[in-house]
Amino acid sequence: MATRLLWLARHGEQGRPAGTPPGIDPPEVGLSERGRRQATLLGERLRGVPFDAVHHGPLRRTAETAALVAAQLPGIPVYATELAGDHLPDETDPAGLPPAYARLLAGFDAAERAEGPRLTAAAVRRFATPPEEGDRQELVVTHTFLIAWLVRHALDAPRSRWLGLNHHNAGLTVIRYRTDTPPTLIAFNDVAHLPAELRGTGLPTEYRS
């Protein structure tokens, strides 16, 4: 039976230029110093895993994270793909959802509502299935929305349940896909490779302990 072991990692903490107002997403500037440390430690954690490939989204923070991880994985090919990008995974109906979720969904325009779900569906077809032949292990360095959607998909949960699945920067999630069983969630948001001072970034402030 063919098995795909899909390793999902959120990018490291993004840099925040001086003067960026609180609550405003910073421009795309790549990783902060903490983010680089997170990515390096993630690579050390994954050293020795026999990956067939590393994939990452097109944005700078995922590309830099993947490069730092791949430095610990010599010989493993690295690919950029829009399928691992930062996009809205589903045109979720906001009716009946908590106000915070409804506000989040309202921030996406019509083009993002059309393109994001299309890319996510393609990502599911590409990554969230058993391989056609042989066993495969692949690492996808991506964003919290796609990880949340793939976890929801693996658990066959209601479509709106991707909302509220928040991921640590450099957190690790692993899902197994086999031809004879439903998907198995093996690990979720694992940050055992990070010291305490590097954990909790990327989460809402109220979640941090």
N, C-alpha and C. Protein backbone atom coordinates (compact mmCIF):
# COMPACT_ATOMS: atom_id res chain seq x y z
N MET A 1 0.85 -1.19 0.00
CA MET A 1 0.00 0.00 0.00
C MET A 1 0.88 1.24 0.00
N ALA A 2 0.55 2.20 -0.85
CA ALA A 2 1.35 3.42 -0.96
C ALA A 2 0.98 4.40 0.15
N THR A 3 1.99 5.06 0.70
CA THR A 3 1.79 5.99 1.81
C THR A 3 2.48 7.32 1.49
N ARG A 4 1.75 8.41 1.73
CA ARG A 4 2.37 9.74 1.70
C ARG A 4 2.39 10.27 3.12
N LEU A 5 3.57 10.64 3.59
CA LEU A 5 3.69 11.32 4.87
C LEU A 5 3.94 12.79 4.55
N LEU A 6 2.94 13.62 4.83
CA LEU A 6 3.00 15.04 4.50
C LEU A 6 3.36 15.83 5.75
N TRP A 7 4.50 16.47 5.70
CA TRP A 7 4.97 17.32 6.79
C TRP A 7 4.65 18.76 6.42
N LEU A 8 3.96 19.46 7.29
CA LEU A 8 3.56 20.84 7.05
C LEU A 8 4.20 21.73 8.10
N ALA A 9 4.83 22.79 7.66
CA ALA A 9 5.46 23.73 8.60
C ALA A 9 5.04 25.14 8.24
N ARG A 10 4.63 25.89 9.24
CA ARG A 10 4.39 27.31 9.01
C ARG A 10 5.74 28.03 8.95
N HIS A 11 5.82 29.06 8.14
CA HIS A 11 7.04 29.86 8.04
C HIS A 11 7.43 30.45 9.39
N GLY A 12 8.68 30.86 9.50
CA GLY A 12 9.14 31.54 10.71
C GLY A 12 8.52 32.92 10.85
N GLU A 13 8.74 33.53 12.00
CA GLU A 13 8.18 34.85 12.26
C GLU A 13 8.63 35.87 11.22
N GLN A 14 7.68 36.62 10.72
CA GLN A 14 7.99 37.66 9.73
C GLN A 14 8.56 38.89 10.42
N GLY A 15 9.49 39.57 9.74
CA GLY A 15 10.01 40.82 10.26
C GLY A 15 8.93 41.89 10.30
N ARG A 16 9.12 42.85 11.19
CA ARG A 16 8.15 43.94 11.34
C ARG A 16 8.93 45.26 11.34
N PRO A 17 8.90 45.98 10.22
CA PRO A 17 9.67 47.22 10.15
C PRO A 17 9.27 48.21 11.24
N ALA A 18 10.21 48.99 11.71
CA ALA A 18 9.93 50.02 12.70
C ALA A 18 8.86 50.97 12.16
N GLY A 19 7.93 51.30 13.02
CA GLY A 19 6.88 52.23 12.64
C GLY A 19 5.62 51.58 12.12
N THR A 20 5.61 50.24 11.96
CA THR A 20 4.39 49.55 11.54
C THR A 20 3.38 49.61 12.68
N PRO A 21 2.19 50.18 12.45
CA PRO A 21 1.21 50.31 13.53
C PRO A 21 0.75 48.96 14.06
N PRO A 22 0.45 48.88 15.36
CA PRO A 22 -0.08 47.64 15.91
C PRO A 22 -1.37 47.24 15.19
N GLY A 23 -1.52 45.94 14.97
CA GLY A 23 -2.72 45.44 14.32
C GLY A 23 -2.70 45.52 12.81
N ILE A 24 -1.64 46.10 12.24
CA ILE A 24 -1.50 46.22 10.80
C ILE A 24 -0.45 45.21 10.33
N ASP A 25 -0.82 44.42 9.32
CA ASP A 25 0.15 43.47 8.79
C ASP A 25 1.30 44.22 8.14
N PRO A 26 2.53 43.83 8.44
CA PRO A 26 3.67 44.51 7.83
C PRO A 26 3.80 44.14 6.36
N PRO A 27 4.55 44.92 5.59
CA PRO A 27 4.82 44.52 4.20
C PRO A 27 5.66 43.25 4.17
N GLU A 28 5.77 42.68 3.00
CA GLU A 28 6.53 41.44 2.84
C GLU A 28 8.03 41.75 2.92
N VAL A 29 8.62 41.51 4.08
CA VAL A 29 10.03 41.84 4.30
C VAL A 29 10.87 40.63 4.69
N GLY A 30 10.32 39.45 4.65
CA GLY A 30 11.07 38.27 5.03
C GLY A 30 11.06 38.03 6.53
N LEU A 31 11.96 37.19 6.99
CA LEU A 31 11.95 36.75 8.37
C LEU A 31 12.62 37.74 9.31
N SER A 32 12.14 37.77 10.55
CA SER A 32 12.82 38.49 11.62
C SER A 32 14.01 37.64 12.08
N GLU A 33 14.81 38.20 12.97
CA GLU A 33 15.92 37.42 13.53
C GLU A 33 15.37 36.20 14.27
N ARG A 34 14.28 36.38 15.03
CA ARG A 34 13.68 35.22 15.70
C ARG A 34 13.18 34.22 14.67
N GLY A 35 12.60 34.71 13.58
CA GLY A 35 12.12 33.81 12.54
C GLY A 35 13.22 32.98 11.92
N ARG A 36 14.40 33.59 11.74
CA ARG A 36 15.53 32.83 11.20
C ARG A 36 16.00 31.76 12.19
N ARG A 37 15.99 32.11 13.46
CA ARG A 37 16.35 31.11 14.47
C ARG A 37 15.33 29.97 14.50
N GLN A 38 14.06 30.32 14.40
CA GLN A 38 13.02 29.29 14.37
C GLN A 38 13.22 28.34 13.19
N ALA A 39 13.47 28.91 12.01
CA ALA A 39 13.63 28.09 10.81
C ALA A 39 14.87 27.20 10.90
N THR A 40 15.95 27.74 11.45
CA THR A 40 17.17 26.95 11.59
C THR A 40 16.94 25.77 12.53
N LEU A 41 16.26 26.02 13.64
CA LEU A 41 15.97 24.94 14.59
C LEU A 41 15.01 23.92 14.00
N LEU A 42 14.07 24.38 13.18
CA LEU A 42 13.17 23.45 12.49
C LEU A 42 13.98 22.54 11.57
N GLY A 43 14.93 23.12 10.84
CA GLY A 43 15.77 22.30 9.98
C GLY A 43 16.56 21.27 10.75
N GLU A 44 17.09 21.69 11.92
CA GLU A 44 17.83 20.74 12.75
C GLU A 44 16.92 19.62 13.23
N ARG A 45 15.69 19.95 13.55
CA ARG A 45 14.71 18.94 13.97
C ARG A 45 14.47 17.92 12.85
N LEU A 46 14.45 18.38 11.61
CA LEU A 46 14.09 17.51 10.49
C LEU A 46 15.30 16.85 9.84
N ARG A 47 16.50 17.17 10.32
CA ARG A 47 17.71 16.59 9.74
C ARG A 47 17.63 15.06 9.83
N GLY A 48 17.85 14.42 8.72
CA GLY A 48 17.83 12.96 8.69
C GLY A 48 16.52 12.37 8.22
N VAL A 49 15.44 13.18 8.15
CA VAL A 49 14.19 12.67 7.59
C VAL A 49 14.38 12.47 6.08
N PRO A 50 14.06 11.31 5.56
CA PRO A 50 14.33 11.04 4.13
C PRO A 50 13.28 11.65 3.21
N PHE A 51 13.25 12.97 3.15
CA PHE A 51 12.27 13.65 2.31
C PHE A 51 12.56 13.40 0.83
N ASP A 52 11.50 13.31 0.07
CA ASP A 52 11.62 13.28 -1.39
C ASP A 52 11.69 14.68 -1.97
N ALA A 53 11.10 15.65 -1.26
CA ALA A 53 11.10 17.02 -1.76
C ALA A 53 10.67 17.97 -0.65
N VAL A 54 11.11 19.23 -0.80
CA VAL A 54 10.63 20.34 0.03
C VAL A 54 9.93 21.32 -0.91
N HIS A 55 8.73 21.75 -0.53
CA HIS A 55 7.97 22.71 -1.31
C HIS A 55 7.71 23.94 -0.45
N HIS A 56 7.64 25.10 -1.06
CA HIS A 56 7.33 26.30 -0.30
C HIS A 56 6.53 27.27 -1.16
N GLY A 57 5.81 28.16 -0.49
CA GLY A 57 5.04 29.18 -1.18
C GLY A 57 5.94 30.25 -1.76
N PRO A 58 5.35 31.14 -2.59
CA PRO A 58 6.16 32.14 -3.29
C PRO A 58 6.58 33.34 -2.46
N LEU A 59 5.95 33.59 -1.31
CA LEU A 59 6.29 34.77 -0.53
C LEU A 59 7.65 34.61 0.15
N ARG A 60 8.25 35.75 0.41
CA ARG A 60 9.64 35.75 0.90
C ARG A 60 9.78 35.02 2.22
N ARG A 61 8.81 35.15 3.12
CA ARG A 61 8.95 34.52 4.43
C ARG A 61 8.95 32.99 4.33
N THR A 62 8.19 32.42 3.37
CA THR A 62 8.22 30.97 3.21
C THR A 62 9.48 30.54 2.47
N ALA A 63 9.91 31.31 1.48
CA ALA A 63 11.12 30.97 0.75
C ALA A 63 12.34 30.98 1.67
N GLU A 64 12.44 32.00 2.53
CA GLU A 64 13.58 32.07 3.45
C GLU A 64 13.54 30.93 4.48
N THR A 65 12.34 30.62 4.96
CA THR A 65 12.22 29.51 5.91
C THR A 65 12.64 28.21 5.25
N ALA A 66 12.15 27.96 4.04
CA ALA A 66 12.49 26.72 3.34
C ALA A 66 13.99 26.63 3.09
N ALA A 67 14.62 27.75 2.74
CA ALA A 67 16.06 27.73 2.48
C ALA A 67 16.85 27.36 3.74
N LEU A 68 16.45 27.91 4.88
CA LEU A 68 17.15 27.61 6.13
C LEU A 68 16.92 26.16 6.55
N VAL A 69 15.71 25.66 6.33
CA VAL A 69 15.44 24.26 6.64
C VAL A 69 16.22 23.35 5.69
N ALA A 70 16.18 23.66 4.39
CA ALA A 70 16.83 22.81 3.40
C ALA A 70 18.34 22.77 3.57
N ALA A 71 18.91 23.79 4.20
CA ALA A 71 20.36 23.78 4.46
C ALA A 71 20.75 22.60 5.36
N GLN A 72 19.78 22.09 6.12
CA GLN A 72 20.03 20.93 6.98
C GLN A 72 19.67 19.61 6.28
N LEU A 73 19.20 19.70 5.03
CA LEU A 73 18.73 18.52 4.30
C LEU A 73 19.46 18.43 2.97
N PRO A 74 20.76 18.21 2.97
CA PRO A 74 21.52 18.22 1.72
C PRO A 74 21.02 17.18 0.73
N GLY A 75 20.92 17.62 -0.52
CA GLY A 75 20.52 16.71 -1.58
C GLY A 75 19.03 16.63 -1.82
N ILE A 76 18.23 17.26 -0.95
CA ILE A 76 16.77 17.21 -1.12
C ILE A 76 16.35 18.35 -2.04
N PRO A 77 15.62 18.06 -3.12
CA PRO A 77 15.22 19.14 -4.03
C PRO A 77 14.19 20.06 -3.38
N VAL A 78 14.27 21.35 -3.73
CA VAL A 78 13.39 22.38 -3.17
C VAL A 78 12.64 23.04 -4.33
N TYR A 79 11.33 23.18 -4.17
CA TYR A 79 10.49 23.73 -5.23
C TYR A 79 9.60 24.84 -4.68
N ALA A 80 9.48 25.93 -5.42
CA ALA A 80 8.50 26.98 -5.10
C ALA A 80 7.21 26.67 -5.85
N THR A 81 6.07 26.85 -5.19
CA THR A 81 4.79 26.59 -5.81
C THR A 81 3.72 27.51 -5.26
N GLU A 82 2.89 28.04 -6.13
CA GLU A 82 1.80 28.88 -5.68
C GLU A 82 0.77 28.09 -4.88
N LEU A 83 0.79 26.78 -5.00
CA LEU A 83 -0.16 25.96 -4.24
C LEU A 83 0.07 26.07 -2.74
N ALA A 84 1.29 26.43 -2.34
CA ALA A 84 1.60 26.60 -0.92
C ALA A 84 1.58 28.06 -0.50
N GLY A 85 0.90 28.89 -1.27
CA GLY A 85 0.86 30.31 -0.99
C GLY A 85 -0.12 30.69 0.11
N ASP A 86 -0.17 31.99 0.39
CA ASP A 86 -1.02 32.53 1.46
C ASP A 86 -2.33 32.98 0.85
N HIS A 87 -3.30 32.09 0.81
CA HIS A 87 -4.56 32.40 0.15
C HIS A 87 -5.75 31.91 0.97
N LEU A 88 -6.89 32.53 0.73
CA LEU A 88 -8.13 32.11 1.40
C LEU A 88 -8.48 30.71 0.94
N PRO A 89 -8.61 29.75 1.86
CA PRO A 89 -8.82 28.37 1.41
C PRO A 89 -10.24 28.03 0.98
N ASP A 90 -11.21 28.82 1.44
CA ASP A 90 -12.60 28.44 1.19
C ASP A 90 -13.47 29.69 1.28
N GLU A 91 -14.45 29.78 0.41
CA GLU A 91 -15.39 30.90 0.48
C GLU A 91 -16.45 30.58 1.54
N THR A 92 -16.01 30.57 2.78
CA THR A 92 -16.83 30.17 3.91
C THR A 92 -17.96 31.17 4.14
N ASP A 93 -19.16 30.67 4.31
CA ASP A 93 -20.31 31.52 4.59
C ASP A 93 -20.17 32.08 6.01
N PRO A 94 -20.14 33.40 6.17
CA PRO A 94 -19.96 33.97 7.51
C PRO A 94 -21.20 33.90 8.40
N ALA A 95 -22.34 33.53 7.82
CA ALA A 95 -23.59 33.50 8.60
C ALA A 95 -23.46 32.54 9.78
N GLY A 96 -23.76 33.05 10.96
CA GLY A 96 -23.73 32.23 12.16
C GLY A 96 -22.37 32.07 12.79
N LEU A 97 -21.32 32.64 12.16
CA LEU A 97 -19.99 32.52 12.73
C LEU A 97 -19.74 33.63 13.75
N PRO A 98 -18.77 33.44 14.65
CA PRO A 98 -18.43 34.52 15.58
C PRO A 98 -18.04 35.79 14.81
N PRO A 99 -18.31 36.97 15.38
CA PRO A 99 -18.02 38.22 14.68
C PRO A 99 -16.57 38.34 14.20
N ALA A 100 -15.62 37.86 14.99
CA ALA A 100 -14.21 37.97 14.58
C ALA A 100 -13.95 37.21 13.30
N TYR A 101 -14.57 36.04 13.15
CA TYR A 101 -14.39 35.26 11.92
C TYR A 101 -15.07 35.95 10.75
N ALA A 102 -16.25 36.49 10.98
CA ALA A 102 -16.96 37.19 9.92
C ALA A 102 -16.16 38.40 9.43
N ARG A 103 -15.53 39.11 10.36
CA ARG A 103 -14.70 40.26 9.97
C ARG A 103 -13.50 39.81 9.15
N LEU A 104 -12.89 38.72 9.55
CA LEU A 104 -11.75 38.19 8.81
C LEU A 104 -12.15 37.87 7.37
N LEU A 105 -13.26 37.18 7.21
CA LEU A 105 -13.70 36.78 5.87
C LEU A 105 -14.09 37.99 5.03
N ALA A 106 -14.62 39.01 5.67
CA ALA A 106 -15.03 40.21 4.93
C ALA A 106 -13.85 40.98 4.36
N GLY A 107 -12.65 40.69 4.83
CA GLY A 107 -11.48 41.40 4.36
C GLY A 107 -10.95 40.91 3.02
N PHE A 108 -11.54 39.87 2.45
CA PHE A 108 -11.10 39.33 1.17
C PHE A 108 -12.01 39.83 0.06
N ASP A 109 -11.40 40.26 -1.05
CA ASP A 109 -12.20 40.76 -2.16
C ASP A 109 -12.68 39.61 -3.05
N ALA A 110 -13.44 39.95 -4.09
CA ALA A 110 -14.05 38.92 -4.94
C ALA A 110 -13.00 38.07 -5.63
N ALA A 111 -11.92 38.69 -6.08
CA ALA A 111 -10.88 37.93 -6.76
C ALA A 111 -10.22 36.93 -5.81
N GLU A 112 -9.95 37.36 -4.58
CA GLU A 112 -9.34 36.47 -3.60
C GLU A 112 -10.29 35.34 -3.23
N ARG A 113 -11.57 35.63 -3.20
CA ARG A 113 -12.57 34.60 -2.88
C ARG A 113 -12.68 33.54 -3.97
N ALA A 114 -12.35 33.93 -5.19
CA ALA A 114 -12.40 32.97 -6.30
C ALA A 114 -11.08 32.22 -6.43
N GLU A 115 -9.96 32.94 -6.39
CA GLU A 115 -8.67 32.34 -6.65
C GLU A 115 -8.17 31.48 -5.50
N GLY A 116 -8.39 31.93 -4.26
CA GLY A 116 -7.89 31.18 -3.11
C GLY A 116 -8.44 29.76 -3.04
N PRO A 117 -9.76 29.57 -3.09
CA PRO A 117 -10.30 28.20 -3.06
C PRO A 117 -9.84 27.35 -4.25
N ARG A 118 -9.64 27.97 -5.42
CA ARG A 118 -9.15 27.21 -6.57
C ARG A 118 -7.75 26.67 -6.29
N LEU A 119 -6.87 27.51 -5.76
CA LEU A 119 -5.51 27.07 -5.45
C LEU A 119 -5.51 26.02 -4.34
N THR A 120 -6.38 26.21 -3.35
CA THR A 120 -6.44 25.26 -2.24
C THR A 120 -6.92 23.89 -2.72
N ALA A 121 -7.91 23.88 -3.57
CA ALA A 121 -8.39 22.60 -4.12
C ALA A 121 -7.28 21.90 -4.89
N ALA A 122 -6.49 22.67 -5.63
CA ALA A 122 -5.35 22.09 -6.36
C ALA A 122 -4.29 21.57 -5.39
N ALA A 123 -4.08 22.28 -4.28
CA ALA A 123 -3.13 21.83 -3.28
C ALA A 123 -3.58 20.51 -2.66
N VAL A 124 -4.86 20.37 -2.40
CA VAL A 124 -5.40 19.11 -1.86
C VAL A 124 -5.14 17.98 -2.85
N ARG A 125 -5.41 18.22 -4.12
CA ARG A 125 -5.18 17.17 -5.12
C ARG A 125 -3.71 16.80 -5.22
N ARG A 126 -2.84 17.79 -5.06
CA ARG A 126 -1.41 17.54 -5.20
C ARG A 126 -0.79 16.88 -3.97
N PHE A 127 -1.16 17.35 -2.79
CA PHE A 127 -0.46 16.93 -1.58
C PHE A 127 -1.26 16.01 -0.66
N ALA A 128 -2.58 16.13 -0.65
CA ALA A 128 -3.40 15.48 0.38
C ALA A 128 -4.05 14.21 -0.14
N THR A 129 -3.26 13.37 -0.80
CA THR A 129 -3.72 12.10 -1.34
C THR A 129 -2.60 11.08 -1.21
N PRO A 130 -2.93 9.79 -1.23
CA PRO A 130 -1.86 8.79 -1.30
C PRO A 130 -1.12 8.92 -2.63
N PRO A 131 0.16 8.59 -2.67
CA PRO A 131 0.89 8.64 -3.94
C PRO A 131 0.40 7.54 -4.87
N GLU A 132 0.61 7.75 -6.15
CA GLU A 132 0.18 6.75 -7.12
C GLU A 132 0.98 5.47 -7.00
N GLU A 133 2.24 5.58 -6.65
CA GLU A 133 3.06 4.39 -6.44
C GLU A 133 4.21 4.72 -5.50
N GLY A 134 4.57 3.76 -4.69
CA GLY A 134 5.69 3.95 -3.77
C GLY A 134 5.33 4.88 -2.63
N ASP A 135 6.17 4.89 -1.61
CA ASP A 135 5.98 5.77 -0.46
C ASP A 135 6.69 7.09 -0.70
N ARG A 136 6.11 8.16 -0.15
CA ARG A 136 6.72 9.48 -0.30
C ARG A 136 6.62 10.24 1.02
N GLN A 137 7.66 11.05 1.28
CA GLN A 137 7.64 12.00 2.38
C GLN A 137 7.98 13.36 1.81
N GLU A 138 7.10 14.33 2.02
CA GLU A 138 7.30 15.66 1.49
C GLU A 138 7.06 16.69 2.57
N LEU A 139 7.85 17.75 2.55
CA LEU A 139 7.70 18.88 3.47
C LEU A 139 7.15 20.06 2.69
N VAL A 140 6.10 20.67 3.21
CA VAL A 140 5.53 21.88 2.61
C VAL A 140 5.65 23.01 3.62
N VAL A 141 6.42 24.03 3.29
CA VAL A 141 6.56 25.23 4.13
C VAL A 141 5.55 26.24 3.60
N THR A 142 4.59 26.59 4.44
CA THR A 142 3.45 27.35 3.95
C THR A 142 2.92 28.29 5.02
N HIS A 143 1.63 28.57 4.98
CA HIS A 143 0.99 29.55 5.85
C HIS A 143 -0.10 28.88 6.68
N THR A 144 -0.54 29.58 7.70
CA THR A 144 -1.47 28.97 8.65
C THR A 144 -2.80 28.59 8.03
N PHE A 145 -3.29 29.37 7.03
CA PHE A 145 -4.58 29.05 6.43
C PHE A 145 -4.55 27.68 5.74
N LEU A 146 -3.51 27.42 4.96
CA LEU A 146 -3.47 26.14 4.24
C LEU A 146 -3.30 24.98 5.20
N ILE A 147 -2.45 25.14 6.21
CA ILE A 147 -2.31 24.06 7.20
C ILE A 147 -3.65 23.78 7.87
N ALA A 148 -4.35 24.84 8.26
CA ALA A 148 -5.65 24.67 8.91
C ALA A 148 -6.62 23.94 7.99
N TRP A 149 -6.60 24.30 6.71
CA TRP A 149 -7.53 23.66 5.78
C TRP A 149 -7.19 22.18 5.59
N LEU A 150 -5.91 21.85 5.49
CA LEU A 150 -5.52 20.45 5.30
C LEU A 150 -5.82 19.61 6.53
N VAL A 151 -5.68 20.20 7.72
CA VAL A 151 -6.08 19.49 8.95
C VAL A 151 -7.58 19.27 8.95
N ARG A 152 -8.35 20.31 8.64
CA ARG A 152 -9.81 20.16 8.56
C ARG A 152 -10.20 19.09 7.55
N HIS A 153 -9.54 19.11 6.39
CA HIS A 153 -9.82 18.15 5.34
C HIS A 153 -9.51 16.72 5.81
N ALA A 154 -8.36 16.55 6.47
CA ALA A 154 -7.98 15.22 6.94
C ALA A 154 -8.98 14.65 7.95
N LEU A 155 -9.52 15.52 8.78
CA LEU A 155 -10.46 15.08 9.82
C LEU A 155 -11.90 15.04 9.32
N ASP A 156 -12.11 15.44 8.07
CA ASP A 156 -13.46 15.49 7.48
C ASP A 156 -14.39 16.32 8.36
N ALA A 157 -13.88 17.43 8.88
CA ALA A 157 -14.66 18.33 9.73
C ALA A 157 -15.48 19.29 8.87
N PRO A 158 -16.49 19.94 9.45
CA PRO A 158 -17.25 20.94 8.68
C PRO A 158 -16.33 21.98 8.05
N ARG A 159 -16.73 22.51 6.91
CA ARG A 159 -15.85 23.38 6.13
C ARG A 159 -15.38 24.60 6.91
N SER A 160 -16.22 25.13 7.77
CA SER A 160 -15.84 26.34 8.50
C SER A 160 -14.82 26.10 9.61
N ARG A 161 -14.51 24.82 9.91
CA ARG A 161 -13.65 24.54 11.05
C ARG A 161 -12.18 24.84 10.80
N TRP A 162 -11.82 25.26 9.59
CA TRP A 162 -10.44 25.73 9.40
C TRP A 162 -10.22 27.03 10.17
N LEU A 163 -11.30 27.77 10.36
CA LEU A 163 -11.21 29.01 11.13
C LEU A 163 -10.93 28.69 12.59
N GLY A 164 -9.99 29.39 13.17
CA GLY A 164 -9.66 29.17 14.57
C GLY A 164 -8.55 28.16 14.80
N LEU A 165 -8.06 27.50 13.73
CA LEU A 165 -6.90 26.64 13.87
C LEU A 165 -5.65 27.49 13.65
N ASN A 166 -5.09 27.97 14.73
CA ASN A 166 -3.95 28.89 14.66
C ASN A 166 -2.65 28.12 14.86
N HIS A 167 -1.61 28.51 14.14
CA HIS A 167 -0.37 27.76 14.16
C HIS A 167 0.81 28.62 14.57
N HIS A 168 1.66 28.06 15.41
CA HIS A 168 2.92 28.70 15.76
C HIS A 168 3.76 28.90 14.51
N ASN A 169 4.53 29.97 14.47
CA ASN A 169 5.58 30.07 13.47
C ASN A 169 6.55 28.91 13.68
N ALA A 170 6.90 28.23 12.57
CA ALA A 170 7.78 27.06 12.58
C ALA A 170 7.19 25.87 13.31
N GLY A 171 5.88 25.90 13.58
CA GLY A 171 5.21 24.72 14.12
C GLY A 171 5.09 23.64 13.05
N LEU A 172 5.07 22.39 13.49
CA LEU A 172 5.12 21.25 12.59
C LEU A 172 3.87 20.40 12.73
N THR A 173 3.24 20.10 11.61
CA THR A 173 2.05 19.24 11.56
C THR A 173 2.33 18.13 10.55
N VAL A 174 1.92 16.91 10.89
CA VAL A 174 2.19 15.76 10.02
C VAL A 174 0.89 14.99 9.79
N ILE A 175 0.59 14.70 8.53
CA ILE A 175 -0.60 13.94 8.15
C ILE A 175 -0.16 12.78 7.27
N ARG A 176 -0.74 11.60 7.54
CA ARG A 176 -0.43 10.40 6.74
C ARG A 176 -1.63 10.07 5.84
N TYR A 177 -1.31 9.82 4.57
CA TYR A 177 -2.33 9.42 3.59
C TYR A 177 -1.97 8.04 3.07
N ARG A 178 -2.92 7.09 3.19
CA ARG A 178 -2.71 5.73 2.71
C ARG A 178 -3.90 5.32 1.86
N THR A 179 -3.67 4.32 1.02
CA THR A 179 -4.71 3.89 0.10
C THR A 179 -5.83 3.12 0.79
N ASP A 180 -5.58 2.59 2.00
CA ASP A 180 -6.55 1.70 2.63
C ASP A 180 -7.25 2.31 3.83
N THR A 181 -6.89 3.53 4.24
CA THR A 181 -7.48 4.14 5.43
C THR A 181 -7.70 5.63 5.19
N PRO A 182 -8.59 6.25 5.99
CA PRO A 182 -8.71 7.71 5.91
C PRO A 182 -7.42 8.37 6.37
N PRO A 183 -7.25 9.66 6.06
CA PRO A 183 -6.05 10.37 6.52
C PRO A 183 -5.90 10.30 8.04
N THR A 184 -4.65 10.26 8.49
CA THR A 184 -4.35 10.19 9.91
C THR A 184 -3.54 11.41 10.32
N LEU A 185 -4.03 12.16 11.30
CA LEU A 185 -3.30 13.31 11.83
C LEU A 185 -2.32 12.78 12.87
N ILE A 186 -1.03 12.81 12.54
CA ILE A 186 0.00 12.23 13.40
C ILE A 186 0.54 13.24 14.40
N ALA A 187 0.72 14.48 13.96
CA ALA A 187 1.23 15.53 14.85
C ALA A 187 0.56 16.84 14.45
N PHE A 188 0.34 17.71 15.42
CA PHE A 188 -0.31 18.99 15.15
C PHE A 188 0.40 20.10 15.91
N ASN A 189 0.92 21.08 15.17
CA ASN A 189 1.47 22.29 15.78
C ASN A 189 2.57 21.99 16.79
N ASP A 190 3.41 21.03 16.44
CA ASP A 190 4.49 20.59 17.32
C ASP A 190 5.63 21.61 17.29
N VAL A 191 6.01 22.12 18.46
CA VAL A 191 7.11 23.07 18.55
C VAL A 191 8.16 22.60 19.55
N ALA A 192 8.32 21.29 19.68
CA ALA A 192 9.30 20.75 20.63
C ALA A 192 10.72 21.17 20.29
N HIS A 193 10.96 21.55 19.03
CA HIS A 193 12.29 21.97 18.60
C HIS A 193 12.60 23.41 18.95
N LEU A 194 11.62 24.16 19.47
CA LEU A 194 11.82 25.57 19.78
C LEU A 194 11.93 25.78 21.29
N PRO A 195 12.89 26.60 21.74
CA PRO A 195 12.92 26.97 23.16
C PRO A 195 11.73 27.86 23.49
N ALA A 196 11.46 28.03 24.76
CA ALA A 196 10.25 28.75 25.19
C ALA A 196 10.18 30.15 24.61
N GLU A 197 11.31 30.83 24.50
CA GLU A 197 11.27 32.22 24.04
C GLU A 197 10.95 32.35 22.56
N LEU A 198 11.01 31.25 21.82
CA LEU A 198 10.68 31.29 20.39
C LEU A 198 9.32 30.69 20.07
N ARG A 199 8.61 30.28 21.10
CA ARG A 199 7.27 29.71 20.89
C ARG A 199 6.22 30.81 20.98
N GLY A 200 5.07 30.54 20.39
CA GLY A 200 3.92 31.44 20.52
C GLY A 200 3.88 32.54 19.50
N THR A 201 4.94 32.76 18.73
CA THR A 201 4.86 33.79 17.71
C THR A 201 3.95 33.29 16.59
N GLY A 202 3.18 34.21 16.04
CA GLY A 202 2.21 33.83 15.03
C GLY A 202 0.84 33.53 15.59
N LEU A 203 0.74 33.39 16.90
CA LEU A 203 -0.55 33.14 17.54
C LEU A 203 -1.17 34.46 18.01
N PRO A 204 -2.49 34.49 18.15
CA PRO A 204 -3.10 35.67 18.77
C PRO A 204 -2.50 35.91 20.16
N THR A 205 -2.35 37.17 20.51
CA THR A 205 -1.70 37.53 21.78
C THR A 205 -2.31 36.81 22.97
N GLU A 206 -3.62 36.68 22.98
CA GLU A 206 -4.29 36.08 24.15
C GLU A 206 -4.02 34.59 24.29
N TYR A 207 -3.45 33.97 23.24
CA TYR A 207 -3.14 32.53 23.31
C TYR A 207 -1.79 32.27 23.93
N ARG A 208 -0.98 33.29 24.07
CA ARG A 208 0.39 33.07 24.53
C ARG A 208 0.43 32.96 26.05
N SER A 209 1.24 32.02 26.52
CA SER A 209 1.33 31.83 27.96
C SER A 209 2.73 32.21 28.44
